[in-house]
Amino acid sequence: MPVNTNDLEAAIRNAFPVDHLEITDQSSGCGESYSIVLVSEAFEGLSTLKKHRLINELLKAEIAQMHAFSQKTFTPIQYQAHLAKSR
């Protein structure tokens, strides 16, 4: 059964306080490749590796059904800096 955006969003929102969340199905709707951008205050003080491990553990069952999964995780301050840099 393919993974869908609603299931990913529900799992993430139930586990973390979310300031910003983007979920992109990069597989043209078949649910085999997703990317996410997640901004949460829960990431304060964590390295990128630790943030990614949290997401990977949370979405372990869903990721196992995908061909590809990528993530960008930020604290609110990091996200503001990222936005300012990309302008």
PDB file of N, CA and C in Angstrom:
ATOM      1  N   MET A   1       0.839  -1.181   0.000  1.00  0.00           N
ATOM      2  CA  MET A   1       0.000   0.000   0.000  1.00  0.00           C
ATOM      3  C   MET A   1       0.885   1.247   0.000  1.00  0.00           C
ATOM      4  N   PRO A   2       0.675   2.160  -0.925  1.00  0.00           N
ATOM      5  CA  PRO A   2       1.527   3.344  -0.993  1.00  0.00           C
ATOM      6  C   PRO A   2       1.303   4.283   0.193  1.00  0.00           C
ATOM      7  N   VAL A   3       2.345   4.990   0.510  1.00  0.00           N
ATOM      8  CA  VAL A   3       2.294   5.989   1.572  1.00  0.00           C
ATOM      9  C   VAL A   3       1.596   7.226   1.019  1.00  0.00           C
ATOM     10  N   ASN A   4       0.797   7.889   1.851  1.00  0.00           N
ATOM     11  CA  ASN A   4       0.171   9.115   1.362  1.00  0.00           C
ATOM     12  C   ASN A   4       0.550  10.299   2.251  1.00  0.00           C
ATOM     13  N   THR A   5       0.399  11.466   1.706  1.00  0.00           N
ATOM     14  CA  THR A   5       0.786  12.707   2.362  1.00  0.00           C
ATOM     15  C   THR A   5       0.035  12.898   3.682  1.00  0.00           C
ATOM     16  N   ASN A   6      -1.233  12.579   3.710  1.00  0.00           N
ATOM     17  CA  ASN A   6      -2.024  12.759   4.926  1.00  0.00           C
ATOM     18  C   ASN A   6      -1.508  11.913   6.087  1.00  0.00           C
ATOM     19  N   ASP A   7      -1.104  10.684   5.802  1.00  0.00           N
ATOM     20  CA  ASP A   7      -0.564   9.818   6.856  1.00  0.00           C
ATOM     21  C   ASP A   7       0.751  10.362   7.394  1.00  0.00           C
ATOM     22  N   LEU A   8       1.607  10.827   6.491  1.00  0.00           N
ATOM     23  CA  LEU A   8       2.882  11.414   6.925  1.00  0.00           C
ATOM     24  C   LEU A   8       2.639  12.648   7.786  1.00  0.00           C
ATOM     25  N   GLU A   9       1.753  13.509   7.323  1.00  0.00           N
ATOM     26  CA  GLU A   9       1.474  14.733   8.066  1.00  0.00           C
ATOM     27  C   GLU A   9       0.902  14.426   9.450  1.00  0.00           C
ATOM     28  N   ALA A  10      -0.027  13.499   9.532  1.00  0.00           N
ATOM     29  CA  ALA A  10      -0.626  13.150  10.821  1.00  0.00           C
ATOM     30  C   ALA A  10       0.423  12.595  11.784  1.00  0.00           C
ATOM     31  N   ALA A  11       1.282  11.721  11.294  1.00  0.00           N
ATOM     32  CA  ALA A  11       2.321  11.136  12.152  1.00  0.00           C
ATOM     33  C   ALA A  11       3.258  12.211  12.686  1.00  0.00           C
ATOM     34  N   ILE A  12       3.659  13.122  11.825  1.00  0.00           N
ATOM     35  CA  ILE A  12       4.589  14.182  12.236  1.00  0.00           C
ATOM     36  C   ILE A  12       3.919  15.135  13.213  1.00  0.00           C
ATOM     37  N   ARG A  13       2.720  15.576  12.892  1.00  0.00           N
ATOM     38  CA  ARG A  13       2.022  16.546  13.767  1.00  0.00           C
ATOM     39  C   ARG A  13       1.657  15.940  15.123  1.00  0.00           C
ATOM     40  N   ASN A  14       1.445  14.639  15.189  1.00  0.00           N
ATOM     41  CA  ASN A  14       1.139  13.988  16.462  1.00  0.00           C
ATOM     42  C   ASN A  14       2.380  13.813  17.338  1.00  0.00           C
ATOM     43  N   ALA A  15       3.569  13.854  16.718  1.00  0.00           N
ATOM     44  CA  ALA A  15       4.806  13.606  17.459  1.00  0.00           C
ATOM     45  C   ALA A  15       5.572  14.870  17.833  1.00  0.00           C
ATOM     46  N   PHE A  16       5.409  15.932  17.068  1.00  0.00           N
ATOM     47  CA  PHE A  16       6.207  17.143  17.263  1.00  0.00           C
ATOM     48  C   PHE A  16       5.327  18.386  17.239  1.00  0.00           C
ATOM     49  N   PRO A  17       5.713  19.406  18.012  1.00  0.00           N
ATOM     50  CA  PRO A  17       5.076  20.706  17.809  1.00  0.00           C
ATOM     51  C   PRO A  17       5.604  21.266  16.481  1.00  0.00           C
ATOM     52  N   VAL A  18       4.722  21.551  15.554  1.00  0.00           N
ATOM     53  CA  VAL A  18       5.132  21.936  14.201  1.00  0.00           C
ATOM     54  C   VAL A  18       4.921  23.430  13.989  1.00  0.00           C
ATOM     55  N   ASP A  19       6.016  24.123  13.638  1.00  0.00           N
ATOM     56  CA  ASP A  19       5.915  25.531  13.253  1.00  0.00           C
ATOM     57  C   ASP A  19       5.659  25.661  11.755  1.00  0.00           C
ATOM     58  N   HIS A  20       6.248  24.747  10.986  1.00  0.00           N
ATOM     59  CA  HIS A  20       6.098  24.762   9.532  1.00  0.00           C
ATOM     60  C   HIS A  20       6.355  23.345   9.027  1.00  0.00           C
ATOM     61  N   LEU A  21       5.549  22.905   8.074  1.00  0.00           N
ATOM     62  CA  LEU A  21       5.712  21.573   7.506  1.00  0.00           C
ATOM     63  C   LEU A  21       5.374  21.611   6.026  1.00  0.00           C
ATOM     64  N   GLU A  22       6.290  21.141   5.229  1.00  0.00           N
ATOM     65  CA  GLU A  22       6.055  20.958   3.792  1.00  0.00           C
ATOM     66  C   GLU A  22       6.320  19.494   3.482  1.00  0.00           C
ATOM     67  N   ILE A  23       5.374  18.858   2.847  1.00  0.00           N
ATOM     68  CA  ILE A  23       5.543  17.475   2.405  1.00  0.00           C
ATOM     69  C   ILE A  23       5.324  17.461   0.902  1.00  0.00           C
ATOM     70  N   THR A  24       6.306  16.968   0.183  1.00  0.00           N
ATOM     71  CA  THR A  24       6.231  16.945  -1.274  1.00  0.00           C
ATOM     72  C   THR A  24       6.328  15.510  -1.775  1.00  0.00           C
ATOM     73  N   ASP A  25       5.308  15.088  -2.502  1.00  0.00           N
ATOM     74  CA  ASP A  25       5.339  13.785  -3.160  1.00  0.00           C
ATOM     75  C   ASP A  25       6.121  13.967  -4.453  1.00  0.00           C
ATOM     76  N   GLN A  26       7.307  13.427  -4.493  1.00  0.00           N
ATOM     77  CA  GLN A  26       8.178  13.589  -5.655  1.00  0.00           C
ATOM     78  C   GLN A  26       8.025  12.440  -6.645  1.00  0.00           C
ATOM     79  N   SER A  27       7.008  11.611  -6.437  1.00  0.00           N
ATOM     80  CA  SER A  27       6.824  10.435  -7.287  1.00  0.00           C
ATOM     81  C   SER A  27       5.595  10.541  -8.177  1.00  0.00           C
ATOM     82  N   SER A  28       5.119  11.744  -8.405  1.00  0.00           N
ATOM     83  CA  SER A  28       3.947  11.965  -9.259  1.00  0.00           C
ATOM     84  C   SER A  28       2.704  11.253  -8.750  1.00  0.00           C
ATOM     85  N   GLY A  29       2.581  11.150  -7.449  1.00  0.00           N
ATOM     86  CA  GLY A  29       1.362  10.606  -6.864  1.00  0.00           C
ATOM     87  C   GLY A  29       1.371   9.138  -6.507  1.00  0.00           C
ATOM     88  N   CYS A  30       2.433   8.404  -6.805  1.00  0.00           N
ATOM     89  CA  CYS A  30       2.413   6.971  -6.494  1.00  0.00           C
ATOM     90  C   CYS A  30       2.880   6.680  -5.069  1.00  0.00           C
ATOM     91  N   GLY A  31       3.373   7.685  -4.339  1.00  0.00           N
ATOM     92  CA  GLY A  31       3.713   7.518  -2.935  1.00  0.00           C
ATOM     93  C   GLY A  31       5.010   6.809  -2.648  1.00  0.00           C
ATOM     94  N   GLU A  32       5.932   6.808  -3.608  1.00  0.00           N
ATOM     95  CA  GLU A  32       7.195   6.105  -3.402  1.00  0.00           C
ATOM     96  C   GLU A  32       8.376   7.019  -3.107  1.00  0.00           C
ATOM     97  N   SER A  33       8.177   8.332  -3.205  1.00  0.00           N
ATOM     98  CA  SER A  33       9.286   9.253  -2.967  1.00  0.00           C
ATOM     99  C   SER A  33       8.738  10.556  -2.382  1.00  0.00           C
ATOM    100  N   TYR A  34       9.213  10.876  -1.189  1.00  0.00           N
ATOM    101  CA  TYR A  34       8.767  12.090  -0.511  1.00  0.00           C
ATOM    102  C   TYR A  34       9.951  12.890  -0.014  1.00  0.00           C
ATOM    103  N   SER A  35       9.731  14.187   0.070  1.00  0.00           N
ATOM    104  CA  SER A  35      10.676  15.057   0.769  1.00  0.00           C
ATOM    105  C   SER A  35       9.862  15.886   1.752  1.00  0.00           C
ATOM    106  N   ILE A  36      10.490  16.194   2.880  1.00  0.00           N
ATOM    107  CA  ILE A  36       9.819  17.031   3.868  1.00  0.00           C
ATOM    108  C   ILE A  36      10.737  18.160   4.306  1.00  0.00           C
ATOM    109  N   VAL A  37      10.121  19.250   4.692  1.00  0.00           N
ATOM    110  CA  VAL A  37      10.782  20.338   5.402  1.00  0.00           C
ATOM    111  C   VAL A  37       9.980  20.492   6.689  1.00  0.00           C
ATOM    112  N   LEU A  38      10.653  20.327   7.809  1.00  0.00           N
ATOM    113  CA  LEU A  38       9.983  20.383   9.099  1.00  0.00           C
ATOM    114  C   LEU A  38      10.688  21.378  10.007  1.00  0.00           C
ATOM    115  N   VAL A  39       9.917  22.314  10.531  1.00  0.00           N
ATOM    116  CA  VAL A  39      10.427  23.297  11.478  1.00  0.00           C
ATOM    117  C   VAL A  39       9.721  23.054  12.802  1.00  0.00           C
ATOM    118  N   SER A  40      10.523  22.813  13.846  1.00  0.00           N
ATOM    119  CA  SER A  40       9.948  22.529  15.157  1.00  0.00           C
ATOM    120  C   SER A  40      10.875  22.999  16.258  1.00  0.00           C
ATOM    121  N   GLU A  41      10.276  23.537  17.303  1.00  0.00           N
ATOM    122  CA  GLU A  41      11.054  23.937  18.471  1.00  0.00           C
ATOM    123  C   GLU A  41      11.611  22.710  19.192  1.00  0.00           C
ATOM    124  N   ALA A  42      11.074  21.527  18.918  1.00  0.00           N
ATOM    125  CA  ALA A  42      11.571  20.291  19.529  1.00  0.00           C
ATOM    126  C   ALA A  42      13.000  19.976  19.097  1.00  0.00           C
ATOM    127  N   PHE A  43      13.467  20.618  18.042  1.00  0.00           N
ATOM    128  CA  PHE A  43      14.813  20.364  17.538  1.00  0.00           C
ATOM    129  C   PHE A  43      15.890  21.227  18.187  1.00  0.00           C
ATOM    130  N   GLU A  44      15.488  22.114  19.097  1.00  0.00           N
ATOM    131  CA  GLU A  44      16.453  22.988  19.760  1.00  0.00           C
ATOM    132  C   GLU A  44      17.546  22.152  20.427  1.00  0.00           C
ATOM    133  N   GLY A  45      18.792  22.504  20.147  1.00  0.00           N
ATOM    134  CA  GLY A  45      19.936  21.843  20.780  1.00  0.00           C
ATOM    135  C   GLY A  45      20.342  20.522  20.164  1.00  0.00           C
ATOM    136  N   LEU A  46      19.648  20.082  19.124  1.00  0.00           N
ATOM    137  CA  LEU A  46      19.979  18.807  18.486  1.00  0.00           C
ATOM    138  C   LEU A  46      20.795  19.018  17.220  1.00  0.00           C
ATOM    139  N   SER A  47      21.711  18.110  16.967  1.00  0.00           N
ATOM    140  CA  SER A  47      22.465  18.144  15.716  1.00  0.00           C
ATOM    141  C   SER A  47      21.549  17.706  14.572  1.00  0.00           C
ATOM    142  N   THR A  48      21.971  17.980  13.351  1.00  0.00           N
ATOM    143  CA  THR A  48      21.207  17.543  12.182  1.00  0.00           C
ATOM    144  C   THR A  48      21.022  16.034  12.199  1.00  0.00           C
ATOM    145  N   LEU A  49      22.070  15.309  12.544  1.00  0.00           N
ATOM    146  CA  LEU A  49      21.989  13.852  12.584  1.00  0.00           C
ATOM    147  C   LEU A  49      20.934  13.381  13.592  1.00  0.00           C
ATOM    148  N   LYS A  50      20.906  13.982  14.764  1.00  0.00           N
ATOM    149  CA  LYS A  50      19.916  13.586  15.773  1.00  0.00           C
ATOM    150  C   LYS A  50      18.494  13.919  15.326  1.00  0.00           C
ATOM    151  N   LYS A  51      18.327  15.072  14.676  1.00  0.00           N
ATOM    152  CA  LYS A  51      17.002  15.434  14.168  1.00  0.00           C
ATOM    153  C   LYS A  51      16.539  14.419  13.130  1.00  0.00           C
ATOM    154  N   HIS A  52      17.428  14.058  12.220  1.00  0.00           N
ATOM    155  CA  HIS A  52      17.076  13.111  11.166  1.00  0.00           C
ATOM    156  C   HIS A  52      16.772  11.725  11.745  1.00  0.00           C
ATOM    157  N   ARG A  53      17.521  11.344  12.758  1.00  0.00           N
ATOM    158  CA  ARG A  53      17.255  10.043  13.388  1.00  0.00           C
ATOM    159  C   ARG A  53      15.876  10.021  14.046  1.00  0.00           C
ATOM    160  N   LEU A  54      15.482  11.131  14.663  1.00  0.00           N
ATOM    161  CA  LEU A  54      14.138  11.215  15.259  1.00  0.00           C
ATOM    162  C   LEU A  54      13.057  11.005  14.203  1.00  0.00           C
ATOM    163  N   ILE A  55      13.212  11.690  13.075  1.00  0.00           N
ATOM    164  CA  ILE A  55      12.226  11.572  11.991  1.00  0.00           C
ATOM    165  C   ILE A  55      12.248  10.166  11.402  1.00  0.00           C
ATOM    166  N   ASN A  56      13.438   9.631  11.172  1.00  0.00           N
ATOM    167  CA  ASN A  56      13.544   8.280  10.607  1.00  0.00           C
ATOM    168  C   ASN A  56      12.895   7.243  11.516  1.00  0.00           C
ATOM    169  N   GLU A  57      13.082   7.374  12.831  1.00  0.00           N
ATOM    170  CA  GLU A  57      12.471   6.436  13.770  1.00  0.00           C
ATOM    171  C   GLU A  57      10.948   6.592  13.776  1.00  0.00           C
ATOM    172  N   LEU A  58      10.484   7.824  13.793  1.00  0.00           N
ATOM    173  CA  LEU A  58       9.044   8.098  13.782  1.00  0.00           C
ATOM    174  C   LEU A  58       8.369   7.515  12.548  1.00  0.00           C
ATOM    175  N   LEU A  59       9.003   7.685  11.394  1.00  0.00           N
ATOM    176  CA  LEU A  59       8.403   7.276  10.117  1.00  0.00           C
ATOM    177  C   LEU A  59       8.985   5.964   9.586  1.00  0.00           C
ATOM    178  N   LYS A  60       9.516   5.155  10.470  1.00  0.00           N
ATOM    179  CA  LYS A  60      10.192   3.918  10.060  1.00  0.00           C
ATOM    180  C   LYS A  60       9.330   3.043   9.149  1.00  0.00           C
ATOM    181  N   ALA A  61       8.090   2.822   9.532  1.00  0.00           N
ATOM    182  CA  ALA A  61       7.200   1.950   8.737  1.00  0.00           C
ATOM    183  C   ALA A  61       6.899   2.571   7.378  1.00  0.00           C
ATOM    184  N   GLU A  62       6.678   3.875   7.358  1.00  0.00           N
ATOM    185  CA  GLU A  62       6.367   4.558   6.096  1.00  0.00           C
ATOM    186  C   GLU A  62       7.588   4.586   5.166  1.00  0.00           C
ATOM    187  N   ILE A  63       8.746   4.893   5.735  1.00  0.00           N
ATOM    188  CA  ILE A  63       9.973   4.968   4.926  1.00  0.00           C
ATOM    189  C   ILE A  63      10.297   3.608   4.323  1.00  0.00           C
ATOM    190  N   ALA A  64      10.005   2.544   5.054  1.00  0.00           N
ATOM    191  CA  ALA A  64      10.273   1.188   4.541  1.00  0.00           C
ATOM    192  C   ALA A  64       9.480   0.893   3.271  1.00  0.00           C
ATOM    193  N   GLN A  65       8.369   1.605   3.059  1.00  0.00           N
ATOM    194  CA  GLN A  65       7.540   1.402   1.872  1.00  0.00           C
ATOM    195  C   GLN A  65       7.914   2.321   0.714  1.00  0.00           C
ATOM    196  N   MET A  66       8.866   3.212   0.940  1.00  0.00           N
ATOM    197  CA  MET A  66       9.232   4.203  -0.078  1.00  0.00           C
ATOM    198  C   MET A  66      10.496   3.805  -0.814  1.00  0.00           C
ATOM    199  N   HIS A  67      10.635   4.373  -1.986  1.00  0.00           N
ATOM    200  CA  HIS A  67      11.866   4.232  -2.744  1.00  0.00           C
ATOM    201  C   HIS A  67      12.884   5.271  -2.274  1.00  0.00           C
ATOM    202  N   ALA A  68      12.403   6.485  -1.957  1.00  0.00           N
ATOM    203  CA  ALA A  68      13.303   7.564  -1.536  1.00  0.00           C
ATOM    204  C   ALA A  68      12.594   8.481  -0.543  1.00  0.00           C
ATOM    205  N   PHE A  69      13.383   8.992   0.411  1.00  0.00           N
ATOM    206  CA  PHE A  69      12.866   9.924   1.408  1.00  0.00           C
ATOM    207  C   PHE A  69      13.980  10.896   1.760  1.00  0.00           C
ATOM    208  N   SER A  70      13.682  12.180   1.674  1.00  0.00           N
ATOM    209  CA  SER A  70      14.666  13.178   2.080  1.00  0.00           C
ATOM    210  C   SER A  70      14.016  14.154   3.041  1.00  0.00           C
ATOM    211  N   GLN A  71      14.833  14.726   3.895  1.00  0.00           N
ATOM    212  CA  GLN A  71      14.297  15.626   4.900  1.00  0.00           C
ATOM    213  C   GLN A  71      15.238  16.785   5.172  1.00  0.00           C
ATOM    214  N   LYS A  72      14.625  17.914   5.475  1.00  0.00           N
ATOM    215  CA  LYS A  72      15.338  19.083   5.968  1.00  0.00           C
ATOM    216  C   LYS A  72      14.632  19.454   7.252  1.00  0.00           C
ATOM    217  N   THR A  73      15.397  19.537   8.326  1.00  0.00           N
ATOM    218  CA  THR A  73      14.830  19.822   9.631  1.00  0.00           C
ATOM    219  C   THR A  73      15.500  21.056  10.212  1.00  0.00           C
ATOM    220  N   PHE A  74      14.684  21.932  10.767  1.00  0.00           N
ATOM    221  CA  PHE A  74      15.186  23.197  11.297  1.00  0.00           C
ATOM    222  C   PHE A  74      14.505  23.533  12.614  1.00  0.00           C
ATOM    223  N   THR A  75      15.209  24.300  13.437  1.00  0.00           N
ATOM    224  CA  THR A  75      14.558  24.997  14.534  1.00  0.00           C
ATOM    225  C   THR A  75      13.949  26.249  13.905  1.00  0.00           C
ATOM    226  N   PRO A  76      13.037  26.932  14.600  1.00  0.00           N
ATOM    227  CA  PRO A  76      12.482  28.165  14.024  1.00  0.00           C
ATOM    228  C   PRO A  76      13.561  29.208  13.674  1.00  0.00           C
ATOM    229  N   ILE A  77      14.559  29.359  14.521  1.00  0.00           N
ATOM    230  CA  ILE A  77      15.638  30.324  14.246  1.00  0.00           C
ATOM    231  C   ILE A  77      16.456  29.892  13.035  1.00  0.00           C
ATOM    232  N   GLN A  78      16.775  28.606  12.945  1.00  0.00           N
ATOM    233  CA  GLN A  78      17.522  28.095  11.787  1.00  0.00           C
ATOM    234  C   GLN A  78      16.728  28.289  10.502  1.00  0.00           C
ATOM    235  N   TYR A  79      15.418  28.095  10.577  1.00  0.00           N
ATOM    236  CA  TYR A  79      14.584  28.236   9.382  1.00  0.00           C
ATOM    237  C   TYR A  79      14.549  29.684   8.912  1.00  0.00           C
ATOM    238  N   GLN A  80      14.439  30.615   9.833  1.00  0.00           N
ATOM    239  CA  GLN A  80      14.464  32.035   9.457  1.00  0.00           C
ATOM    240  C   GLN A  80      15.783  32.389   8.787  1.00  0.00           C
ATOM    241  N   ALA A  81      16.891  31.882   9.313  1.00  0.00           N
ATOM    242  CA  ALA A  81      18.200  32.120   8.694  1.00  0.00           C
ATOM    243  C   ALA A  81      18.272  31.481   7.317  1.00  0.00           C
ATOM    244  N   HIS A  82      17.713  30.294   7.169  1.00  0.00           N
ATOM    245  CA  HIS A  82      17.685  29.599   5.874  1.00  0.00           C
ATOM    246  C   HIS A  82      16.885  30.405   4.849  1.00  0.00           C
ATOM    247  N   LEU A  83      15.739  30.920   5.257  1.00  0.00           N
ATOM    248  CA  LEU A  83      14.924  31.727   4.352  1.00  0.00           C
ATOM    249  C   LEU A  83      15.645  33.006   3.947  1.00  0.00           C
ATOM    250  N   ALA A  84      16.285  33.654   4.894  1.00  0.00           N
ATOM    251  CA  ALA A  84      16.993  34.902   4.601  1.00  0.00           C
ATOM    252  C   ALA A  84      18.152  34.651   3.643  1.00  0.00           C
ATOM    253  N   LYS A  85      18.810  33.530   3.807  1.00  0.00           N
ATOM    254  CA  LYS A  85      19.953  33.184   2.965  1.00  0.00           C
ATOM    255  C   LYS A  85      19.538  32.866   1.527  1.00  0.00           C
ATOM    256  N   SER A  86      18.359  32.275   1.375  1.00  0.00           N
ATOM    257  CA  SER A  86      17.911  31.848   0.044  1.00  0.00           C
ATOM    258  C   SER A  86      17.202  32.950  -0.745  1.00  0.00           C
ATOM    259  N   ARG A  87      17.120  34.125  -0.175  1.00  0.00           N
ATOM    260  CA  ARG A  87      16.467  35.250  -0.885  1.00  0.00           C
ATOM    261  C   ARG A  87      17.464  36.059  -1.646  1.00  0.00           C
TER     262      ARG A  87
END
